[in-house]
C-alpha atoms as a PDB file:
ATOM      1  CA  VAL A   1     -96.992 208.455 -22.140  1.00  0.00           C
ATOM      2  CA  VAL A   2     -97.934 211.949 -21.489  1.00  0.00           C
ATOM      3  CA  THR A   3    -101.510 213.180 -21.369  1.00  0.00           C
ATOM      4  CA  TRP A   4    -103.188 216.777 -21.164  1.00  0.00           C
ATOM      5  CA  GLY A   5    -106.525 218.207 -22.059  1.00  0.00           C
ATOM      6  CA  ASN A   6    -110.246 217.837 -20.848  1.00  0.00           C
ATOM      7  CA  ALA A   7    -109.527 215.636 -17.654  1.00  0.00           C
ATOM      8  CA  GLY A   8    -112.950 213.673 -18.249  1.00  0.00           C
ATOM      9  CA  LEU A   9    -112.190 212.922 -21.887  1.00  0.00           C
ATOM     10  CA  GLY A  10    -108.827 211.303 -21.338  1.00  0.00           C
ATOM     11  CA  GLY A  11    -106.378 214.353 -20.387  1.00  0.00           C
ATOM     12  CA  ASP A  12    -106.034 213.059 -16.985  1.00  0.00           C
ATOM     13  CA  SER A  13    -104.310 209.765 -16.916  1.00  0.00           C
ATOM     14  CA  SER A  14    -103.026 209.731 -13.312  1.00  0.00           C
ATOM     15  CA  ALA A  15    -105.140 206.859 -12.300  1.00  0.00           C
ATOM     16  CA  VAL A  16    -103.129 204.555 -14.702  1.00  0.00           C
ATOM     17  CA  ALA A  17     -99.793 206.673 -15.023  1.00  0.00           C
ATOM     18  CA  ASP A  18     -97.780 203.538 -13.439  1.00  0.00           C
ATOM     19  CA  ARG A  19     -98.994 201.493 -16.083  1.00  0.00           C
ATOM     20  CA  LEU A  20     -98.251 204.018 -18.799  1.00  0.00           C
ATOM     21  CA  ALA A  21     -94.702 204.608 -17.343  1.00  0.00           C
ATOM     22  CA  ALA A  22     -92.886 202.050 -19.677  1.00  0.00           C
ATOM     23  CA  GLY A  23     -93.820 199.424 -22.369  1.00  0.00           C
ATOM     24  CA  VAL A  24     -96.224 201.206 -24.497  1.00  0.00           C
ATOM     25  CA  THR A  25     -96.157 200.340 -28.255  1.00  0.00           C
ATOM     26  CA  ALA A  26     -99.354 202.088 -29.244  1.00  0.00           C
ATOM     27  CA  VAL A  27    -102.312 204.303 -28.237  1.00  0.00           C
ATOM     28  CA  TYR A  28    -105.873 204.486 -29.802  1.00  0.00           C
ATOM     29  CA  SER A  29    -108.688 206.875 -29.252  1.00  0.00           C
ATOM     30  CA  THR A  30    -112.502 206.957 -28.967  1.00  0.00           C
ATOM     31  CA  ASP A  31    -114.172 210.877 -28.837  1.00  0.00           C
ATOM     32  CA  GLY A  32    -113.306 210.759 -25.110  1.00  0.00           C
ATOM     33  CA  ALA A  33    -111.133 207.871 -23.976  1.00  0.00           C
ATOM     34  CA  PHE A  34    -107.725 206.131 -24.779  1.00  0.00           C
ATOM     35  CA  ALA A  35    -106.597 202.606 -24.830  1.00  0.00           C
ATOM     36  CA  ALA A  36    -102.719 201.991 -24.644  1.00  0.00           C
ATOM     37  CA  VAL A  37    -101.196 198.522 -26.092  1.00  0.00           C
ATOM     38  CA  LYS A  38     -98.234 197.552 -24.052  1.00  0.00           C
ATOM     39  CA  GLU A  39     -95.316 195.008 -24.804  1.00  0.00           C
ATOM     40  CA  GLY A  40     -97.052 191.657 -24.235  1.00  0.00           C
ATOM     41  CA  GLY A  41    -100.510 192.913 -25.476  1.00  0.00           C
ATOM     42  CA  GLU A  42    -101.732 194.224 -21.944  1.00  0.00           C
ATOM     43  CA  VAL A  43    -104.336 197.035 -22.795  1.00  0.00           C
ATOM     44  CA  VAL A  44    -104.416 200.009 -20.456  1.00  0.00           C
ATOM     45  CA  THR A  45    -107.738 202.426 -20.661  1.00  0.00           C
ATOM     46  CA  TRP A  46    -108.469 205.741 -19.373  1.00  0.00           C
ATOM     47  CA  GLY A  47    -110.975 208.425 -19.882  1.00  0.00           C
ATOM     48  CA  ASP A  48    -114.539 208.575 -20.336  1.00  0.00           C
ATOM     49  CA  ALA A  49    -116.024 205.163 -18.845  1.00  0.00           C
ATOM     50  CA  HIS A  50    -118.859 205.190 -21.428  1.00  0.00           C
ATOM     51  CA  LEU A  51    -116.745 205.994 -24.101  1.00  0.00           C
ATOM     52  CA  GLY A  52    -114.161 203.044 -23.426  1.00  0.00           C
ATOM     53  CA  GLY A  53    -112.291 204.583 -20.712  1.00  0.00           C
ATOM     54  CA  ASP A  54    -113.620 201.905 -18.226  1.00  0.00           C
ATOM     55  CA  SER A  55    -112.378 198.326 -19.525  1.00  0.00           C
ATOM     56  CA  SER A  56    -112.828 196.483 -15.968  1.00  0.00           C
ATOM     57  CA  ALA A  57    -115.840 194.387 -17.395  1.00  0.00           C
ATOM     58  CA  VAL A  58    -113.344 192.564 -19.818  1.00  0.00           C
ATOM     59  CA  ALA A  59    -109.960 193.524 -17.967  1.00  0.00           C
ATOM     60  CA  ASP A  60    -109.335 189.812 -17.669  1.00  0.00           C
ATOM     61  CA  ARG A  61    -109.422 189.264 -21.556  1.00  0.00           C
ATOM     62  CA  LEU A  62    -107.147 192.346 -21.947  1.00  0.00           C
ATOM     63  CA  ALA A  63    -104.286 191.466 -19.729  1.00  0.00           C
ATOM     64  CA  ALA A  64    -102.020 189.990 -22.265  1.00  0.00           C
ATOM     65  CA  GLY A  65    -102.086 188.777 -26.022  1.00  0.00           C
ATOM     66  CA  VAL A  66    -103.861 191.819 -27.679  1.00  0.00           C
ATOM     67  CA  THR A  67    -102.356 192.355 -31.369  1.00  0.00           C
ATOM     68  CA  ALA A  68    -104.561 195.004 -32.569  1.00  0.00           C
ATOM     69  CA  VAL A  69    -106.842 197.715 -31.260  1.00  0.00           C
ATOM     70  CA  TYR A  70    -109.518 199.226 -33.583  1.00  0.00           C
ATOM     71  CA  SER A  71    -111.995 202.390 -32.423  1.00  0.00           C
ATOM     72  CA  THR A  72    -115.428 203.987 -33.038  1.00  0.00           C
ATOM     73  CA  ASP A  73    -116.459 207.154 -31.794  1.00  0.00           C
ATOM     74  CA  GLY A  74    -117.299 205.563 -28.401  1.00  0.00           C
ATOM     75  CA  ALA A  75    -116.074 201.968 -28.318  1.00  0.00           C
ATOM     76  CA  PHE A  76    -113.030 199.905 -28.675  1.00  0.00           C
ATOM     77  CA  ALA A  77    -112.348 196.145 -29.892  1.00  0.00           C
ATOM     78  CA  ALA A  78    -109.313 194.478 -29.247  1.00  0.00           C
ATOM     79  CA  VAL A  79    -108.029 191.324 -31.663  1.00  0.00           C
ATOM     80  CA  LYS A  80    -106.370 188.812 -29.506  1.00  0.00           C
ATOM     81  CA  GLU A  81    -103.710 186.177 -30.710  1.00  0.00           C
ATOM     82  CA  GLY A  82    -106.074 183.591 -32.175  1.00  0.00           C
ATOM     83  CA  GLY A  83    -108.559 185.806 -33.168  1.00  0.00           C
ATOM     84  CA  GLU A  84    -110.842 186.486 -30.404  1.00  0.00           C
ATOM     85  CA  VAL A  85    -112.326 189.901 -30.297  1.00  0.00           C
ATOM     86  CA  VAL A  86    -113.158 191.785 -27.181  1.00  0.00           C
ATOM     87  CA  THR A  87    -115.140 194.895 -27.042  1.00  0.00           C
ATOM     88  CA  TRP A  88    -115.772 197.751 -24.685  1.00  0.00           C
ATOM     89  CA  GLY A  89    -117.349 201.061 -24.477  1.00  0.00           C
ATOM     90  CA  ASP A  90    -120.708 202.540 -25.432  1.00  0.00           C
ATOM     91  CA  ALA A  91    -122.833 199.750 -27.071  1.00  0.00           C
ATOM     92  CA  GLY A  92    -124.594 201.999 -29.343  1.00  0.00           C
ATOM     93  CA  TYR A  93    -120.866 202.466 -30.919  1.00  0.00           C
ATOM     94  CA  GLY A  94    -120.314 198.594 -30.884  1.00  0.00           C
ATOM     95  CA  GLY A  95    -118.836 198.182 -27.289  1.00  0.00           C
ATOM     96  CA  ASP A  96    -121.399 195.293 -26.648  1.00  0.00           C
ATOM     97  CA  SER A  97    -120.641 192.285 -28.868  1.00  0.00           C
ATOM     98  CA  SER A  98    -122.225 189.688 -26.737  1.00  0.00           C
ATOM     99  CA  ALA A  99    -125.243 189.159 -28.857  1.00  0.00           C
END
């Protein structure tokens, strides 16, 4: 994956470049972040932390098995094998599904 543009809105993926070097099958976006799905279902994110660029709170659940990703302006939802849904990003855009 090669990125460019506003660094704070996902144009700079250098922090995860090693994980984006191979095996990426799809890339999704919010208004300021990106999520790449790799072979095996791992999700790698970068960009504005509040708009989904920081998935560290759910990283263990995004390490494998993701089959689909959906996004809003500021959050992502990943569907895993078996139907589990994992969300992250701005709570006002759907990033918190804990309730």
